[in-house]
Amino acid sequence: MTAMHWLWLGAIALMLLSLAVLLPPLLAEVPLPASDPDEALRRLYQAQLAELKLERSGGRLSETDHAQAVEELQRRLLNELDRPRASVAWRQSPWLRRGSALLLAVLLPVAAFALYLQVGDPKAAAQLAQEQPDAHGDGAGDTQVQAMVDGLARRLEEQPQNLPGWVMLARSYETLERFDAAAQAYRRALQEARRSAMDEEVQARLWADLADALASAQGGSLDGEAGEAIKQALMLQPDQPKALALAGSAAARHGKLDEAQKNWQALLRQLEPGSDMALRVQDDLLKLEALASEDSSTSTARTAAASKSRLSGELRWAASKANPSEPARLAKAQVFVVARADGHPRPVAVLRLPATSLPAHFTLGPENLLDPAVSLSSFPELRLQARLSLDGQAMPQAGDIYSQSFSVPPGSSNLLLELNPAF
């Protein structure tokens, strides 16, 4: 259908609607009043008199006020009763009413059409359809909204103390997804709220709104100024709902699950049970619990894996071979604690210690691996032995002193290695 078709259909519909409103009263039979007007005045007087009596019995009117009110009511009643009234109501003839209705039904459409031809432009709709055949008004609507928002911004620059105006402007910018402009409007609103000493609840809400706008402008990030705005909101009002929601989100993104849970639980206590918002917060809390459980399991697994990638114990001289009387002989001596694996051509891990540090505690871990790609936990058993080189050479040679050699599983601790020339 063309624009002209829609125009005429709309005009006909409006015409029929107008006639539907105007004709029924003309065609309907109008009953005469069934009671005397004086009787109606008396009933009204009695009702008002009863109301005054209730006011008096309830203590809301003193005795003097009650008497004056009754006297005034009686005076008004007498004045009304003294006024002359028509004794007979006039009734229109049925034929007169029907003729009026018929005349209106004919003349109204004719007069409207004649007026349109006189002041309207029948070609305008067709011309508009040719110029904008596919337009649905969305662009024009957006332009009008934008113009209204810009006009509000100009008025606020002239009236900067209009706090509600700044808030309205900020939320209008959010609707238009102009979040940077919305944040700036919230800053102006906060400035005015502080200047006019608004209560802390209002200021806290504005800080939370500012944080939300900044987060939207930053792609959801709650760091920087957004994070500071959240802190300010909670400082003014610790139970501010939006600030608690944002604070929980910020904490969750930084892995602070306990803090996020604390904030969202405080928010949930303020929400109506079963509401959409409450259900969403409960869902987020369940996700937090699952994430915390997963992290705990991962941490436990990592701790177990780390313990299996180490060997630790005590390194000392055999009791019968301790020789503190020859410190000069050990000045250059080095002790090498070596872990080997069957089928592996080279040592898996080596720890080097000065001989003068004995007795000493030792730990073989990832930092002592010769090949970082192969850990101690890669093997079911490791053969452990210590070797003392008097001249500090890493290659074994004659004259080196050894400890006993034994096999242990990865992760073993409290091991004892004793250097003894007999080995």
Protein backbone atom coordinates (compact mmCIF):
# COMPACT_ATOMS: atom_id res chain seq x y z
CA MET A 1 0.00 0.00 0.00
CA THR A 2 1.19 3.51 -0.80
CA ALA A 3 1.49 6.43 1.60
CA MET A 4 -1.71 7.94 0.16
CA HIS A 5 -3.62 4.74 0.96
CA TRP A 6 -2.38 4.83 4.56
CA LEU A 7 -3.31 8.51 4.82
CA TRP A 8 -6.91 7.94 3.73
CA LEU A 9 -7.33 4.83 5.86
CA GLY A 10 -6.13 6.78 8.88
CA ALA A 11 -8.47 9.66 8.12
CA ILE A 12 -11.47 7.32 7.73
CA ALA A 13 -10.60 5.54 10.99
CA LEU A 14 -10.40 8.84 12.88
CA MET A 15 -13.71 9.93 11.35
CA LEU A 16 -15.47 6.74 12.44
CA LEU A 17 -13.98 7.05 15.91
CA SER A 18 -15.27 10.62 16.21
CA LEU A 19 -18.77 9.60 15.13
CA ALA A 20 -18.71 6.66 17.54
CA VAL A 21 -18.08 9.11 20.38
CA LEU A 22 -20.54 11.82 19.28
CA LEU A 23 -23.61 9.88 18.02
CA PRO A 24 -24.54 7.60 20.97
CA PRO A 25 -25.44 10.51 23.32
CA LEU A 26 -27.74 11.94 20.63
CA LEU A 27 -29.49 8.63 19.96
CA ALA A 28 -29.80 7.52 23.58
CA GLU A 29 -32.99 8.06 25.58
CA VAL A 30 -32.24 10.55 28.36
CA PRO A 31 -34.28 9.81 31.50
CA LEU A 32 -35.76 12.60 33.55
CA PRO A 33 -34.58 13.07 37.12
CA ALA A 34 -36.43 10.65 39.34
CA SER A 35 -36.25 12.67 42.53
CA ASP A 36 -36.83 16.17 43.82
CA PRO A 37 -33.73 18.42 43.74
CA ASP A 38 -34.58 19.66 47.24
CA GLU A 39 -34.52 16.10 48.49
CA ALA A 40 -31.02 15.65 47.05
CA LEU A 41 -29.84 18.77 48.88
CA ARG A 42 -31.25 17.45 52.14
CA ARG A 43 -29.47 14.11 51.72
CA LEU A 44 -26.22 15.97 51.05
CA TYR A 45 -26.80 18.08 54.16
CA GLN A 46 -27.40 14.98 56.29
CA ALA A 47 -24.22 13.33 54.99
CA GLN A 48 -22.10 16.41 55.75
CA LEU A 49 -23.72 16.74 59.15
CA ALA A 50 -22.84 13.12 59.94
CA GLU A 51 -19.26 13.74 58.84
CA LEU A 52 -19.00 16.75 61.17
CA LYS A 53 -20.33 14.61 63.99
CA LEU A 54 -17.62 12.02 63.36
CA GLU A 55 -14.96 14.75 63.34
CA ARG A 56 -16.27 15.99 66.70
CA SER A 57 -16.43 12.55 68.30
CA GLY A 58 -12.93 11.80 67.06
CA GLY A 59 -11.54 14.88 68.78
CA ARG A 60 -10.51 16.56 65.54
CA LEU A 61 -13.03 19.42 66.05
CA SER A 62 -13.65 21.37 69.23
CA GLU A 63 -17.16 22.01 70.46
CA THR A 64 -17.00 25.61 69.27
CA ASP A 65 -15.65 24.70 65.83
CA HIS A 66 -18.29 21.99 65.48
CA ALA A 67 -21.09 24.42 66.27
CA GLN A 68 -19.78 26.98 63.80
CA ALA A 69 -19.45 24.36 61.07
CA VAL A 70 -23.03 23.12 61.64
CA GLU A 71 -24.33 26.68 61.55
CA GLU A 72 -22.50 27.37 58.27
CA LEU A 73 -23.84 24.13 56.77
CA GLN A 74 -27.41 25.05 57.72
CA ARG A 75 -27.01 28.50 56.23
CA ARG A 76 -25.82 27.07 52.91
CA LEU A 77 -28.71 24.60 52.84
CA LEU A 78 -31.26 27.35 53.37
CA ASN A 79 -29.73 29.46 50.63
CA GLU A 80 -29.87 26.55 48.20
CA LEU A 81 -33.46 25.74 49.08
CA ASP A 82 -34.48 29.35 48.54
CA ARG A 83 -33.23 29.41 44.95
CA PRO A 84 -35.98 29.10 42.25
CA ARG A 85 -35.95 25.80 40.29
CA ALA A 86 -37.74 24.65 37.13
CA SER A 87 -40.58 22.39 38.15
CA VAL A 88 -40.61 20.41 34.92
CA ALA A 89 -37.60 19.02 33.09
CA TRP A 90 -37.52 19.51 29.37
CA ARG A 91 -37.18 16.38 27.23
CA GLN A 92 -36.08 16.44 23.62
CA SER A 93 -38.29 14.87 21.00
CA PRO A 94 -36.91 11.51 19.72
CA TRP A 95 -37.25 12.71 16.12
CA LEU A 96 -35.27 15.84 16.91
CA ARG A 97 -32.44 13.81 18.44
CA ARG A 98 -32.32 11.35 15.55
CA GLY A 99 -32.34 14.15 12.99
CA SER A 100 -29.45 15.85 14.77
CA ALA A 101 -27.47 12.59 14.75
CA LEU A 102 -28.11 12.06 11.02
CA LEU A 103 -27.10 15.63 10.23
CA LEU A 104 -23.88 15.27 12.21
CA ALA A 105 -23.04 11.96 10.53
CA VAL A 106 -23.32 13.58 7.09
CA LEU A 107 -21.89 17.02 7.72
CA LEU A 108 -18.81 16.03 9.75
CA PRO A 109 -17.12 13.97 6.98
CA VAL A 110 -18.09 16.51 4.31
CA ALA A 111 -16.76 19.43 6.35
CA ALA A 112 -13.51 17.61 7.17
CA PHE A 113 -12.87 16.72 3.52
CA ALA A 114 -13.63 20.28 2.39
CA LEU A 115 -11.26 21.66 5.02
CA TYR A 116 -8.49 19.29 3.92
CA LEU A 117 -8.89 20.37 0.27
CA GLN A 118 -8.77 24.00 1.36
CA VAL A 119 -5.72 24.01 3.67
CA GLY A 120 -4.03 20.65 3.02
CA ASP A 121 -1.86 19.28 0.23
CA PRO A 122 -3.18 16.01 -1.25
CA LYS A 123 0.09 15.46 -3.12
CA ALA A 124 2.31 15.72 -0.02
CA ALA A 125 2.00 12.10 1.07
CA ALA A 126 2.78 10.80 -2.42
CA GLN A 127 5.77 13.10 -2.70
CA LEU A 128 7.06 11.96 0.71
CA ALA A 129 6.68 8.32 -0.32
CA GLN A 130 8.76 8.97 -3.44
CA GLU A 131 11.52 10.77 -1.51
CA GLN A 132 11.74 8.22 1.36
CA PRO A 133 10.31 4.92 0.11
CA ASP A 134 12.07 2.74 2.71
CA ALA A 135 12.28 5.09 5.67
CA HIS A 136 10.64 3.98 8.91
CA GLY A 137 11.48 7.00 11.03
CA ASP A 138 14.29 5.46 13.09
CA GLY A 139 16.97 7.83 11.85
CA ALA A 140 14.75 10.84 12.34
CA GLY A 141 13.87 9.64 15.83
CA ASP A 142 17.52 9.20 16.78
CA THR A 143 18.29 12.66 15.43
CA GLN A 144 15.49 14.17 17.48
CA VAL A 145 16.65 12.41 20.65
CA GLN A 146 20.20 13.54 20.04
CA ALA A 147 19.02 17.11 19.50
CA MET A 148 17.07 17.00 22.76
CA VAL A 149 20.07 15.69 24.70
CA ASP A 150 22.36 18.31 23.18
CA GLY A 151 19.83 20.99 24.07
CA LEU A 152 19.77 19.75 27.67
CA ALA A 153 23.56 19.87 27.79
CA ARG A 154 23.55 23.49 26.59
CA ARG A 155 20.97 24.51 29.19
CA LEU A 156 23.00 22.86 31.95
CA GLU A 157 26.08 24.82 30.97
CA GLU A 158 23.98 27.93 31.60
CA GLN A 159 22.49 26.45 34.80
CA PRO A 160 25.30 24.30 36.25
CA GLN A 161 23.67 24.05 39.68
CA ASN A 162 20.86 21.85 38.33
CA LEU A 163 21.77 18.52 39.94
CA PRO A 164 18.75 16.52 38.62
CA GLY A 165 19.52 17.89 35.16
CA TRP A 166 23.09 16.55 35.23
CA VAL A 167 21.85 13.13 36.34
CA MET A 168 19.22 13.11 33.57
CA LEU A 169 21.87 14.12 31.03
CA ALA A 170 24.23 11.35 32.20
CA ARG A 171 21.56 8.68 31.89
CA SER A 172 20.53 10.01 28.49
CA TYR A 173 24.13 9.66 27.32
CA GLU A 174 24.16 6.08 28.66
CA THR A 175 21.02 5.33 26.64
CA LEU A 176 22.82 6.65 23.56
CA GLU A 177 25.90 4.56 24.55
CA ARG A 178 28.03 7.70 24.85
CA PHE A 179 29.68 6.47 28.04
CA ASP A 180 32.57 8.95 28.14
CA ALA A 181 30.08 11.82 28.00
CA ALA A 182 27.93 10.07 30.63
CA ALA A 183 30.94 9.82 32.97
CA GLN A 184 31.65 13.52 32.53
CA ALA A 185 28.01 14.36 33.34
CA TYR A 186 28.19 12.21 36.50
CA ARG A 187 31.35 14.09 37.52
CA ARG A 188 29.45 17.37 37.20
CA ALA A 189 26.56 15.91 39.18
CA LEU A 190 28.96 14.85 41.95
CA GLN A 191 30.53 18.28 41.97
CA GLU A 192 27.13 19.87 42.45
CA ALA A 193 26.09 17.28 45.06
CA ARG A 194 29.16 18.07 47.16
CA ARG A 195 28.67 21.81 46.72
CA SER A 196 25.07 21.63 47.88
CA ALA A 197 25.95 19.20 50.71
CA MET A 198 23.61 16.45 49.55
CA ASP A 199 23.29 13.47 51.89
CA GLU A 200 25.83 10.66 51.68
CA GLU A 201 23.36 8.18 50.18
CA VAL A 202 22.82 10.41 47.13
CA GLN A 203 26.55 10.98 46.69
CA ALA A 204 27.28 7.26 47.06
CA ARG A 205 24.76 6.46 44.32
CA LEU A 206 26.38 9.01 42.02
CA TRP A 207 29.85 7.54 42.67
CA ALA A 208 28.51 4.07 41.82
CA ASP A 209 26.87 5.40 38.64
CA LEU A 210 30.15 7.07 37.67
CA ALA A 211 32.03 3.79 38.17
CA ASP A 212 29.49 1.95 36.01
CA ALA A 213 29.76 4.51 33.20
CA LEU A 214 33.57 4.43 33.34
CA ALA A 215 33.57 0.64 33.20
CA SER A 216 31.32 0.72 30.14
CA ALA A 217 33.62 3.28 28.50
CA GLN A 218 36.65 1.07 29.26
CA GLY A 219 35.23 -2.14 27.85
CA GLY A 220 34.18 -3.48 31.24
CA SER A 221 37.42 -2.73 33.10
CA LEU A 222 36.90 -1.64 36.73
CA ASP A 223 40.49 -0.52 37.27
CA GLY A 224 41.79 3.02 37.63
CA GLU A 225 39.22 5.78 38.17
CA ALA A 226 36.35 3.26 38.11
CA GLY A 227 37.90 1.37 41.03
CA GLU A 228 38.43 4.60 42.97
CA ALA A 229 34.80 5.58 42.37
CA ILE A 230 33.65 2.23 43.80
CA LYS A 231 35.77 2.81 46.92
CA GLN A 232 34.31 6.29 47.36
CA ALA A 233 30.76 4.94 47.07
CA LEU A 234 31.34 2.23 49.68
CA MET A 235 33.11 4.68 51.96
CA LEU A 236 30.00 6.89 51.99
CA GLN A 237 27.50 4.02 52.05
CA PRO A 238 28.93 0.56 52.78
CA ASP A 239 25.73 -1.17 51.61
CA GLN A 240 25.29 0.76 48.33
CA PRO A 241 23.84 -1.94 46.02
CA LYS A 242 25.43 -1.00 42.70
CA ALA A 243 28.81 -0.35 44.35
CA LEU A 244 28.71 -3.78 46.03
CA ALA A 245 27.90 -5.44 42.72
CA LEU A 246 30.76 -3.66 40.94
CA ALA A 247 33.19 -4.26 43.81
CA GLY A 248 32.40 -7.98 43.68
CA SER A 249 33.00 -8.06 39.94
CA ALA A 250 36.32 -6.22 40.29
CA ALA A 251 37.51 -8.58 43.03
CA ALA A 252 36.49 -11.67 41.05
CA ARG A 253 38.42 -10.46 37.98
CA HIS A 254 41.55 -10.08 40.12
CA GLY A 255 41.16 -13.55 41.62
CA LYS A 256 40.11 -12.25 45.06
CA LEU A 257 37.30 -14.75 45.40
CA ASP A 258 36.74 -14.28 49.14
CA GLU A 259 36.36 -10.52 48.72
CA ALA A 260 34.00 -10.98 45.78
CA GLN A 261 31.89 -13.42 47.78
CA LYS A 262 31.72 -11.01 50.72
CA ASN A 263 30.48 -8.13 48.53
CA TRP A 264 27.89 -10.18 46.65
CA GLN A 265 26.54 -11.74 49.84
CA ALA A 266 26.09 -8.24 51.28
CA LEU A 267 24.23 -7.28 48.10
CA LEU A 268 22.04 -10.39 48.19
CA ARG A 269 20.85 -9.58 51.72
CA GLN A 270 19.29 -6.36 50.39
CA LEU A 271 17.44 -7.95 47.46
CA GLU A 272 13.94 -9.36 47.47
CA PRO A 273 14.14 -13.16 47.60
CA GLY A 274 13.20 -14.72 44.29
CA SER A 275 13.60 -11.51 42.28
CA ASP A 276 15.51 -11.60 38.99
CA MET A 277 18.41 -9.65 40.48
CA ALA A 278 18.58 -11.93 43.52
CA LEU A 279 18.62 -15.02 41.31
CA ARG A 280 21.46 -13.58 39.20
CA VAL A 281 23.53 -12.80 42.30
CA GLN A 282 22.90 -16.29 43.69
CA ASP A 283 24.06 -17.76 40.37
CA ASP A 284 27.25 -15.66 40.50
CA LEU A 285 27.90 -16.83 44.07
CA LEU A 286 27.53 -20.46 43.01
CA LYS A 287 30.04 -19.87 40.22
CA LEU A 288 32.42 -18.31 42.74
CA GLU A 289 32.15 -21.35 45.00
CA ALA A 290 32.85 -23.68 42.08
CA LEU A 291 35.82 -21.58 41.04
CA ALA A 292 37.18 -21.49 44.59
CA SER A 293 36.84 -25.27 44.85
CA GLU A 294 38.63 -25.69 41.52
CA ASP A 295 41.43 -23.39 42.62
CA SER A 296 41.79 -25.30 45.88
CA SER A 297 42.03 -28.61 44.02
CA THR A 298 44.53 -27.14 41.58
CA SER A 299 46.61 -25.71 44.42
CA THR A 300 46.61 -29.06 46.20
CA ALA A 301 47.63 -30.83 43.02
CA ARG A 302 50.41 -28.32 42.41
CA THR A 303 51.66 -28.73 45.97
CA ALA A 304 51.69 -32.50 45.58
CA ALA A 305 53.47 -32.26 42.23
CA ALA A 306 56.01 -29.83 43.68
CA SER A 307 56.76 -32.14 46.59
CA LYS A 308 57.35 -35.04 44.19
CA SER A 309 59.83 -32.99 42.20
CA ARG A 310 62.26 -32.68 45.14
CA LEU A 311 64.63 -34.77 47.26
CA SER A 312 65.88 -33.48 50.60
CA GLY A 313 67.88 -34.63 53.57
CA GLU A 314 71.07 -34.24 55.63
CA LEU A 315 74.66 -34.36 54.33
CA ARG A 316 77.49 -34.98 56.79
CA TRP A 317 80.75 -36.77 57.49
CA ALA A 318 80.60 -40.32 58.73
CA ALA A 319 80.99 -40.14 62.52
CA SER A 320 84.30 -42.02 62.56
CA LYS A 321 85.77 -40.03 59.65
CA ALA A 322 85.15 -36.42 60.69
CA ASN A 323 88.49 -34.63 60.29
CA PRO A 324 88.26 -31.03 61.50
CA SER A 325 92.04 -31.02 62.16
CA GLU A 326 92.76 -30.60 58.42
CA PRO A 327 90.74 -27.51 57.33
CA ALA A 328 93.44 -26.46 54.86
CA ARG A 329 92.98 -29.73 52.98
CA LEU A 330 89.26 -28.95 52.48
CA ALA A 331 89.67 -25.31 51.44
CA LYS A 332 89.04 -26.06 47.75
CA ALA A 333 86.99 -29.19 48.24
CA GLN A 334 83.46 -29.33 46.82
CA VAL A 335 80.66 -31.82 47.51
CA PHE A 336 78.38 -32.90 44.66
CA VAL A 337 74.99 -34.47 45.51
CA VAL A 338 73.89 -36.39 42.41
CA ALA A 339 70.55 -37.97 41.50
CA ARG A 340 70.54 -40.52 38.66
CA ALA A 341 67.82 -42.60 36.99
CA ASP A 342 68.09 -46.04 35.46
CA GLY A 343 68.24 -45.84 31.69
CA HIS A 344 69.13 -42.16 31.75
CA PRO A 345 72.67 -41.57 30.43
CA ARG A 346 73.44 -38.46 32.43
CA PRO A 347 72.61 -37.27 35.96
CA VAL A 348 69.08 -35.94 36.37
CA ALA A 349 70.03 -33.33 39.00
CA VAL A 350 73.21 -32.14 40.70
CA LEU A 351 73.69 -29.95 43.79
CA ARG A 352 77.09 -28.41 44.58
CA LEU A 353 78.14 -27.46 48.12
CA PRO A 354 81.47 -26.35 49.66
CA ALA A 355 82.93 -29.10 51.83
CA THR A 356 83.56 -26.62 54.63
CA SER A 357 79.76 -26.17 55.04
CA LEU A 358 79.27 -29.75 56.27
CA PRO A 359 77.17 -30.84 58.01
CA ALA A 360 74.45 -29.25 55.85
CA HIS A 361 70.88 -29.71 54.76
CA PHE A 362 70.42 -30.35 51.05
CA THR A 363 67.48 -30.15 48.61
CA LEU A 364 67.50 -31.27 45.02
CA GLY A 365 64.73 -29.52 43.07
CA PRO A 366 63.81 -28.06 39.65
CA GLU A 367 66.61 -25.51 39.94
CA ASN A 368 69.20 -28.34 40.03
CA LEU A 369 67.98 -30.19 36.90
CA LEU A 370 70.50 -30.63 34.12
CA ASP A 371 67.64 -30.88 31.61
CA PRO A 372 64.67 -28.67 32.59
CA ALA A 373 62.40 -30.79 30.38
CA VAL A 374 63.00 -33.82 32.62
CA SER A 375 61.90 -33.51 36.26
CA LEU A 376 62.65 -35.76 39.23
CA SER A 377 59.00 -36.86 39.25
CA SER A 378 59.41 -38.28 35.74
CA PHE A 379 61.02 -41.41 37.17
CA PRO A 380 59.66 -44.03 39.56
CA GLU A 381 62.98 -44.21 41.44
CA LEU A 382 66.17 -42.17 41.68
CA ARG A 383 69.62 -43.29 42.83
CA LEU A 384 71.17 -40.77 45.18
CA GLN A 385 74.83 -40.36 46.15
CA ALA A 386 77.21 -37.61 47.31
CA ARG A 387 80.83 -37.21 46.10
CA LEU A 388 83.57 -34.98 47.56
CA SER A 389 86.23 -33.63 45.18
CA LEU A 390 89.28 -32.24 47.02
CA ASP A 391 90.20 -29.92 44.13
CA GLY A 392 86.59 -29.02 43.30
CA GLN A 393 86.46 -30.82 39.95
CA ALA A 394 83.04 -31.80 38.61
CA MET A 395 84.46 -34.89 36.85
CA PRO A 396 85.07 -37.90 39.11
CA GLN A 397 88.74 -38.74 39.70
CA ALA A 398 90.95 -40.80 41.94
CA GLY A 399 90.98 -39.71 45.53
CA ASP A 400 87.36 -38.53 45.60
CA ILE A 401 85.35 -39.44 48.69
CA TYR A 402 81.83 -40.91 48.27
CA SER A 403 78.75 -41.49 50.38
CA GLN A 404 76.62 -44.58 50.29
CA SER A 405 74.36 -44.92 47.23
CA PHE A 406 70.66 -45.86 47.49
CA SER A 407 67.47 -45.63 45.48
CA VAL A 408 64.51 -43.56 46.64
CA PRO A 409 61.19 -42.48 45.08
CA PRO A 410 60.74 -38.85 44.00
CA GLY A 411 59.56 -36.59 46.79
CA SER A 412 61.53 -38.40 49.51
CA SER A 413 62.72 -36.32 52.45
CA ASN A 414 64.71 -36.78 55.67
CA LEU A 415 67.38 -38.65 53.74
CA LEU A 416 70.87 -39.08 55.19
CA LEU A 417 74.07 -39.03 53.14
CA GLU A 418 77.39 -39.67 54.98
CA LEU A 419 80.74 -39.11 53.30
CA ASN A 420 83.09 -42.01 54.05
CA PRO A 421 86.38 -42.86 52.29
CA ALA A 422 85.48 -46.52 52.67
CA PHE A 423 82.88 -46.11 49.93
